[in-house]
Amino acid sequence: MGNLREVPVGGTVKVVRIHGEGAVKRRIMDMGITRGVEISVRKVAPLGDPIEITVRGYELSLRKADAESIEVE
């Protein structure tokens, strides 16, 4: 499909892969965003940053740059 930033509000997707490396990738994975997990997009700020999502039963806000590194289907 593409990356998490492209998912419309209300959409639910599954994580395929997390791009990037080092501390950024580790931080995303530490938030519970790992391959195979489902993510629901709840809200997007007026200027597109941040994006509010639900993952593993809790709410989380992600920056646009982080959302672009999460490949989903």
PDB file of N, CA and C in Angstrom:
ATOM      1  N   MET A   1       0.822  -1.198   0.000  1.00  0.00           N
ATOM      2  CA  MET A   1       0.000   0.000   0.000  1.00  0.00           C
ATOM      3  C   MET A   1       0.866   1.262   0.000  1.00  0.00           C
ATOM      4  N   GLY A   2       1.806   1.342   0.915  1.00  0.00           N
ATOM      5  CA  GLY A   2       2.618   2.541   1.025  1.00  0.00           C
ATOM      6  C   GLY A   2       3.089   2.732   2.450  1.00  0.00           C
ATOM      7  N   ASN A   3       3.161   3.989   2.889  1.00  0.00           N
ATOM      8  CA  ASN A   3       3.597   4.227   4.259  1.00  0.00           C
ATOM      9  C   ASN A   3       2.455   4.721   5.129  1.00  0.00           C
ATOM     10  N   LEU A   4       2.685   4.756   6.420  1.00  0.00           N
ATOM     11  CA  LEU A   4       1.640   5.099   7.388  1.00  0.00           C
ATOM     12  C   LEU A   4       1.102   6.506   7.176  1.00  0.00           C
ATOM     13  N   ARG A   5       1.902   7.400   6.695  1.00  0.00           N
ATOM     14  CA  ARG A   5       1.451   8.784   6.483  1.00  0.00           C
ATOM     15  C   ARG A   5       0.352   8.874   5.433  1.00  0.00           C
ATOM     16  N   GLU A   6       0.298   7.931   4.499  1.00  0.00           N
ATOM     17  CA  GLU A   6      -0.685   7.943   3.408  1.00  0.00           C
ATOM     18  C   GLU A   6      -2.042   7.365   3.800  1.00  0.00           C
ATOM     19  N   VAL A   7      -2.141   6.765   4.973  1.00  0.00           N
ATOM     20  CA  VAL A   7      -3.388   6.128   5.409  1.00  0.00           C
ATOM     21  C   VAL A   7      -4.388   7.207   5.833  1.00  0.00           C
ATOM     22  N   PRO A   8      -5.626   7.125   5.339  1.00  0.00           N
ATOM     23  CA  PRO A   8      -6.622   8.131   5.712  1.00  0.00           C
ATOM     24  C   PRO A   8      -7.099   7.959   7.159  1.00  0.00           C
ATOM     25  N   VAL A   9      -7.645   9.025   7.726  1.00  0.00           N
ATOM     26  CA  VAL A   9      -8.190   8.963   9.082  1.00  0.00           C
ATOM     27  C   VAL A   9      -9.285   7.902   9.111  1.00  0.00           C
ATOM     28  N   GLY A  10      -9.258   7.055  10.131  1.00  0.00           N
ATOM     29  CA  GLY A  10     -10.223   5.960  10.248  1.00  0.00           C
ATOM     30  C   GLY A  10      -9.731   4.662   9.644  1.00  0.00           C
ATOM     31  N   GLY A  11      -8.640   4.712   8.916  1.00  0.00           N
ATOM     32  CA  GLY A  11      -8.098   3.520   8.269  1.00  0.00           C
ATOM     33  C   GLY A  11      -7.327   2.648   9.246  1.00  0.00           C
ATOM     34  N   THR A  12      -7.378   1.342   8.988  1.00  0.00           N
ATOM     35  CA  THR A  12      -6.616   0.381   9.788  1.00  0.00           C
ATOM     36  C   THR A  12      -5.714  -0.398   8.848  1.00  0.00           C
ATOM     37  N   VAL A  13      -4.454  -0.498   9.210  1.00  0.00           N
ATOM     38  CA  VAL A  13      -3.467  -1.169   8.362  1.00  0.00           C
ATOM     39  C   VAL A  13      -2.584  -2.079   9.193  1.00  0.00           C
ATOM     40  N   LYS A  14      -1.814  -2.904   8.505  1.00  0.00           N
ATOM     41  CA  LYS A  14      -0.873  -3.806   9.167  1.00  0.00           C
ATOM     42  C   LYS A  14       0.546  -3.406   8.772  1.00  0.00           C
ATOM     43  N   VAL A  15       1.446  -3.406   9.746  1.00  0.00           N
ATOM     44  CA  VAL A  15       2.834  -3.022   9.494  1.00  0.00           C
ATOM     45  C   VAL A  15       3.541  -4.134   8.735  1.00  0.00           C
ATOM     46  N   VAL A  16       4.188  -3.764   7.626  1.00  0.00           N
ATOM     47  CA  VAL A  16       4.946  -4.713   6.817  1.00  0.00           C
ATOM     48  C   VAL A  16       6.426  -4.625   7.163  1.00  0.00           C
ATOM     49  N   ARG A  17       6.918  -3.373   7.282  1.00  0.00           N
ATOM     50  CA  ARG A  17       8.347  -3.185   7.505  1.00  0.00           C
ATOM     51  C   ARG A  17       8.599  -1.788   8.059  1.00  0.00           C
ATOM     52  N   ILE A  18       9.647  -1.655   8.845  1.00  0.00           N
ATOM     53  CA  ILE A  18      10.063  -0.355   9.349  1.00  0.00           C
ATOM     54  C   ILE A  18      11.398  -0.023   8.698  1.00  0.00           C
ATOM     55  N   HIS A  19      11.407   1.073   7.945  1.00  0.00           N
ATOM     56  CA  HIS A  19      12.636   1.515   7.282  1.00  0.00           C
ATOM     57  C   HIS A  19      13.424   2.390   8.241  1.00  0.00           C
ATOM     58  N   GLY A  20      14.653   2.652   7.899  1.00  0.00           N
ATOM     59  CA  GLY A  20      15.501   3.466   8.773  1.00  0.00           C
ATOM     60  C   GLY A  20      16.439   2.563   9.544  1.00  0.00           C
ATOM     61  N   GLU A  21      17.247   3.206  10.355  1.00  0.00           N
ATOM     62  CA  GLU A  21      18.209   2.417  11.107  1.00  0.00           C
ATOM     63  C   GLU A  21      18.571   3.100  12.407  1.00  0.00           C
ATOM     64  N   GLY A  22      19.253   2.372  13.244  1.00  0.00           N
ATOM     65  CA  GLY A  22      19.768   2.927  14.483  1.00  0.00           C
ATOM     66  C   GLY A  22      18.705   3.351  15.473  1.00  0.00           C
ATOM     67  N   ALA A  23      18.923   4.500  16.086  1.00  0.00           N
ATOM     68  CA  ALA A  23      18.079   4.972  17.185  1.00  0.00           C
ATOM     69  C   ALA A  23      16.641   5.233  16.759  1.00  0.00           C
ATOM     70  N   VAL A  24      16.437   5.731  15.546  1.00  0.00           N
ATOM     71  CA  VAL A  24      15.078   6.040  15.085  1.00  0.00           C
ATOM     72  C   VAL A  24      14.252   4.766  14.974  1.00  0.00           C
ATOM     73  N   LYS A  25      14.799   3.757  14.325  1.00  0.00           N
ATOM     74  CA  LYS A  25      14.091   2.480  14.168  1.00  0.00           C
ATOM     75  C   LYS A  25      13.840   1.836  15.534  1.00  0.00           C
ATOM     76  N   ARG A  26      14.825   1.878  16.397  1.00  0.00           N
ATOM     77  CA  ARG A  26      14.695   1.294  17.735  1.00  0.00           C
ATOM     78  C   ARG A  26      13.589   1.998  18.529  1.00  0.00           C
ATOM     79  N   ARG A  27      13.523   3.324  18.439  1.00  0.00           N
ATOM     80  CA  ARG A  27      12.504   4.092  19.157  1.00  0.00           C
ATOM     81  C   ARG A  27      11.104   3.722  18.675  1.00  0.00           C
ATOM     82  N   ILE A  28      10.939   3.587  17.359  1.00  0.00           N
ATOM     83  CA  ILE A  28       9.643   3.198  16.801  1.00  0.00           C
ATOM     84  C   ILE A  28       9.256   1.809  17.301  1.00  0.00           C
ATOM     85  N   MET A  29      10.200   0.881  17.287  1.00  0.00           N
ATOM     86  CA  MET A  29       9.904  -0.476  17.749  1.00  0.00           C
ATOM     87  C   MET A  29       9.623  -0.506  19.249  1.00  0.00           C
ATOM     88  N   ASP A  30      10.302   0.345  20.021  1.00  0.00           N
ATOM     89  CA  ASP A  30      10.057   0.415  21.462  1.00  0.00           C
ATOM     90  C   ASP A  30       8.648   0.916  21.782  1.00  0.00           C
ATOM     91  N   MET A  31       8.042   1.658  20.853  1.00  0.00           N
ATOM     92  CA  MET A  31       6.671   2.141  21.044  1.00  0.00           C
ATOM     93  C   MET A  31       5.645   1.040  20.766  1.00  0.00           C
ATOM     94  N   GLY A  32       6.103  -0.127  20.353  1.00  0.00           N
ATOM     95  CA  GLY A  32       5.189  -1.237  20.091  1.00  0.00           C
ATOM     96  C   GLY A  32       4.828  -1.398  18.631  1.00  0.00           C
ATOM     97  N   ILE A  33       5.444  -0.610  17.776  1.00  0.00           N
ATOM     98  CA  ILE A  33       5.175  -0.703  16.342  1.00  0.00           C
ATOM     99  C   ILE A  33       6.186  -1.679  15.747  1.00  0.00           C
ATOM    100  N   THR A  34       5.723  -2.902  15.521  1.00  0.00           N
ATOM    101  CA  THR A  34       6.579  -3.944  14.973  1.00  0.00           C
ATOM    102  C   THR A  34       5.867  -4.606  13.801  1.00  0.00           C
ATOM    103  N   ARG A  35       6.595  -5.407  13.043  1.00  0.00           N
ATOM    104  CA  ARG A  35       6.015  -6.064  11.872  1.00  0.00           C
ATOM    105  C   ARG A  35       4.817  -6.920  12.271  1.00  0.00           C
ATOM    106  N   GLY A  36       3.730  -6.786  11.513  1.00  0.00           N
ATOM    107  CA  GLY A  36       2.537  -7.594  11.738  1.00  0.00           C
ATOM    108  C   GLY A  36       1.501  -6.962  12.646  1.00  0.00           C
ATOM    109  N   VAL A  37       1.839  -5.894  13.368  1.00  0.00           N
ATOM    110  CA  VAL A  37       0.891  -5.271  14.288  1.00  0.00           C
ATOM    111  C   VAL A  37      -0.081  -4.373  13.503  1.00  0.00           C
ATOM    112  N   GLU A  38      -1.333  -4.292  13.978  1.00  0.00           N
ATOM    113  CA  GLU A  38      -2.325  -3.434  13.334  1.00  0.00           C
ATOM    114  C   GLU A  38      -2.301  -2.042  13.929  1.00  0.00           C
ATOM    115  N   ILE A  39      -2.430  -1.051  13.062  1.00  0.00           N
ATOM    116  CA  ILE A  39      -2.443   0.350  13.469  1.00  0.00           C
ATOM    117  C   ILE A  39      -3.688   1.009  12.902  1.00  0.00           C
ATOM    118  N   SER A  40      -4.398   1.761  13.737  1.00  0.00           N
ATOM    119  CA  SER A  40      -5.547   2.545  13.288  1.00  0.00           C
ATOM    120  C   SER A  40      -5.180   4.021  13.363  1.00  0.00           C
ATOM    121  N   VAL A  41      -5.463   4.755  12.290  1.00  0.00           N
ATOM    122  CA  VAL A  41      -5.201   6.193  12.275  1.00  0.00           C
ATOM    123  C   VAL A  41      -6.424   6.891  12.849  1.00  0.00           C
ATOM    124  N   ARG A  42      -6.233   7.627  13.959  1.00  0.00           N
ATOM    125  CA  ARG A  42      -7.340   8.288  14.642  1.00  0.00           C
ATOM    126  C   ARG A  42      -7.530   9.736  14.196  1.00  0.00           C
ATOM    127  N   LYS A  43      -6.446  10.482  14.129  1.00  0.00           N
ATOM    128  CA  LYS A  43      -6.518  11.899  13.774  1.00  0.00           C
ATOM    129  C   LYS A  43      -5.230  12.312  13.093  1.00  0.00           C
ATOM    130  N   VAL A  44      -5.336  13.380  12.312  1.00  0.00           N
ATOM    131  CA  VAL A  44      -4.149  14.006  11.730  1.00  0.00           C
ATOM    132  C   VAL A  44      -4.261  15.493  12.020  1.00  0.00           C
ATOM    133  N   ALA A  45      -3.218  16.085  12.540  1.00  0.00           N
ATOM    134  CA  ALA A  45      -3.218  17.513  12.847  1.00  0.00           C
ATOM    135  C   ALA A  45      -3.439  18.319  11.569  1.00  0.00           C
ATOM    136  N   PRO A  46      -3.963  19.545  11.681  1.00  0.00           N
ATOM    137  CA  PRO A  46      -4.270  20.361  10.503  1.00  0.00           C
ATOM    138  C   PRO A  46      -3.123  20.501   9.499  1.00  0.00           C
ATOM    139  N   LEU A  47      -1.909  20.596   9.961  1.00  0.00           N
ATOM    140  CA  LEU A  47      -0.780  20.703   9.039  1.00  0.00           C
ATOM    141  C   LEU A  47      -0.134  19.350   8.760  1.00  0.00           C
ATOM    142  N   GLY A  48      -0.778  18.272   9.218  1.00  0.00           N
ATOM    143  CA  GLY A  48      -0.293  16.931   8.928  1.00  0.00           C
ATOM    144  C   GLY A  48       0.729  16.382   9.909  1.00  0.00           C
ATOM    145  N   ASP A  49       1.042  17.148  10.933  1.00  0.00           N
ATOM    146  CA  ASP A  49       2.059  16.696  11.885  1.00  0.00           C
ATOM    147  C   ASP A  49       1.654  17.118  13.283  1.00  0.00           C
ATOM    148  N   PRO A  50       1.451  16.273  14.247  1.00  0.00           N
ATOM    149  CA  PRO A  50       1.666  14.823  14.201  1.00  0.00           C
ATOM    150  C   PRO A  50       0.426  14.047  13.756  1.00  0.00           C
ATOM    151  N   ILE A  51       0.593  12.745  13.690  1.00  0.00           N
ATOM    152  CA  ILE A  51      -0.478  11.813  13.364  1.00  0.00           C
ATOM    153  C   ILE A  51      -0.792  11.031  14.640  1.00  0.00           C
ATOM    154  N   GLU A  52      -2.072  10.959  15.009  1.00  0.00           N
ATOM    155  CA  GLU A  52      -2.460  10.210  16.203  1.00  0.00           C
ATOM    156  C   GLU A  52      -2.965   8.845  15.775  1.00  0.00           C
ATOM    157  N   ILE A  53      -2.370   7.799  16.362  1.00  0.00           N
ATOM    158  CA  ILE A  53      -2.722   6.428  15.998  1.00  0.00           C
ATOM    159  C   ILE A  53      -3.078   5.617  17.243  1.00  0.00           C
ATOM    160  N   THR A  54      -3.707   4.469  17.011  1.00  0.00           N
ATOM    161  CA  THR A  54      -3.934   3.494  18.076  1.00  0.00           C
ATOM    162  C   THR A  54      -3.176   2.238  17.691  1.00  0.00           C
ATOM    163  N   VAL A  55      -2.333   1.781  18.613  1.00  0.00           N
ATOM    164  CA  VAL A  55      -1.543   0.575  18.377  1.00  0.00           C
ATOM    165  C   VAL A  55      -1.495  -0.222  19.676  1.00  0.00           C
ATOM    166  N   ARG A  56      -1.783  -1.510  19.573  1.00  0.00           N
ATOM    167  CA  ARG A  56      -1.782  -2.409  20.736  1.00  0.00           C
ATOM    168  C   ARG A  56      -2.659  -1.891  21.883  1.00  0.00           C
ATOM    169  N   GLY A  57      -3.752  -1.211  21.533  1.00  0.00           N
ATOM    170  CA  GLY A  57      -4.711  -0.775  22.545  1.00  0.00           C
ATOM    171  C   GLY A  57      -4.406   0.560  23.201  1.00  0.00           C
ATOM    172  N   TYR A  58      -3.374   1.260  22.765  1.00  0.00           N
ATOM    173  CA  TYR A  58      -3.120   2.574  23.350  1.00  0.00           C
ATOM    174  C   TYR A  58      -2.909   3.611  22.254  1.00  0.00           C
ATOM    175  N   GLU A  59      -3.103   4.872  22.634  1.00  0.00           N
ATOM    176  CA  GLU A  59      -2.981   5.968  21.683  1.00  0.00           C
ATOM    177  C   GLU A  59      -1.551   6.491  21.669  1.00  0.00           C
ATOM    178  N   LEU A  60      -1.135   6.911  20.493  1.00  0.00           N
ATOM    179  CA  LEU A  60       0.239   7.334  20.295  1.00  0.00           C
ATOM    180  C   LEU A  60       0.264   8.420  19.229  1.00  0.00           C
ATOM    181  N   SER A  61       1.143   9.390  19.368  1.00  0.00           N
ATOM    182  CA  SER A  61       1.323  10.421  18.349  1.00  0.00           C
ATOM    183  C   SER A  61       2.686  10.234  17.706  1.00  0.00           C
ATOM    184  N   LEU A  62       2.692  10.296  16.376  1.00  0.00           N
ATOM    185  CA  LEU A  62       3.927  10.127  15.607  1.00  0.00           C
ATOM    186  C   LEU A  62       4.182  11.346  14.746  1.00  0.00           C
ATOM    187  N   ARG A  63       5.442  11.689  14.579  1.00  0.00           N
ATOM    188  CA  ARG A  63       5.796  12.746  13.644  1.00  0.00           C
ATOM    189  C   ARG A  63       5.642  12.221  12.218  1.00  0.00           C
ATOM    190  N   LYS A  64       5.439  13.145  11.285  1.00  0.00           N
ATOM    191  CA  LYS A  64       5.317  12.772   9.871  1.00  0.00           C
ATOM    192  C   LYS A  64       6.513  11.962   9.392  1.00  0.00           C
ATOM    193  N   ALA A  65       7.698  12.405   9.766  1.00  0.00           N
ATOM    194  CA  ALA A  65       8.925  11.719   9.302  1.00  0.00           C
ATOM    195  C   ALA A  65       8.965  10.271   9.790  1.00  0.00           C
ATOM    196  N   ASP A  66       8.514  10.035  11.023  1.00  0.00           N
ATOM    197  CA  ASP A  66       8.492   8.667  11.555  1.00  0.00           C
ATOM    198  C   ASP A  66       7.421   7.843  10.836  1.00  0.00           C
ATOM    199  N   ALA A  67       6.259   8.442  10.591  1.00  0.00           N
ATOM    200  CA  ALA A  67       5.168   7.731   9.920  1.00  0.00           C
ATOM    201  C   ALA A  67       5.574   7.326   8.503  1.00  0.00           C
ATOM    202  N   GLU A  68       6.372   8.151   7.843  1.00  0.00           N
ATOM    203  CA  GLU A  68       6.821   7.830   6.484  1.00  0.00           C
ATOM    204  C   GLU A  68       7.773   6.642   6.453  1.00  0.00           C
ATOM    205  N   SER A  69       8.413   6.341   7.558  1.00  0.00           N
ATOM    206  CA  SER A  69       9.354   5.220   7.591  1.00  0.00           C
ATOM    207  C   SER A  69       8.687   3.890   7.909  1.00  0.00           C
ATOM    208  N   ILE A  70       7.372   3.908   8.146  1.00  0.00           N
ATOM    209  CA  ILE A  70       6.639   2.679   8.483  1.00  0.00           C
ATOM    210  C   ILE A  70       5.852   2.231   7.261  1.00  0.00           C
ATOM    211  N   GLU A  71       6.291   1.123   6.642  1.00  0.00           N
ATOM    212  CA  GLU A  71       5.624   0.585   5.471  1.00  0.00           C
ATOM    213  C   GLU A  71       4.444  -0.282   5.913  1.00  0.00           C
ATOM    214  N   VAL A  72       3.271  -0.040   5.305  1.00  0.00           N
ATOM    215  CA  VAL A  72       2.051  -0.741   5.721  1.00  0.00           C
ATOM    216  C   VAL A  72       1.325  -1.333   4.525  1.00  0.00           C
ATOM    217  N   GLU A  73       0.379  -2.233   4.817  1.00  0.00           N
ATOM    218  CA  GLU A  73      -0.493  -2.791   3.771  1.00  0.00           C
ATOM    219  C   GLU A  73      -1.910  -2.813   4.258  1.00  0.00           C
TER     220      GLU A  73
END
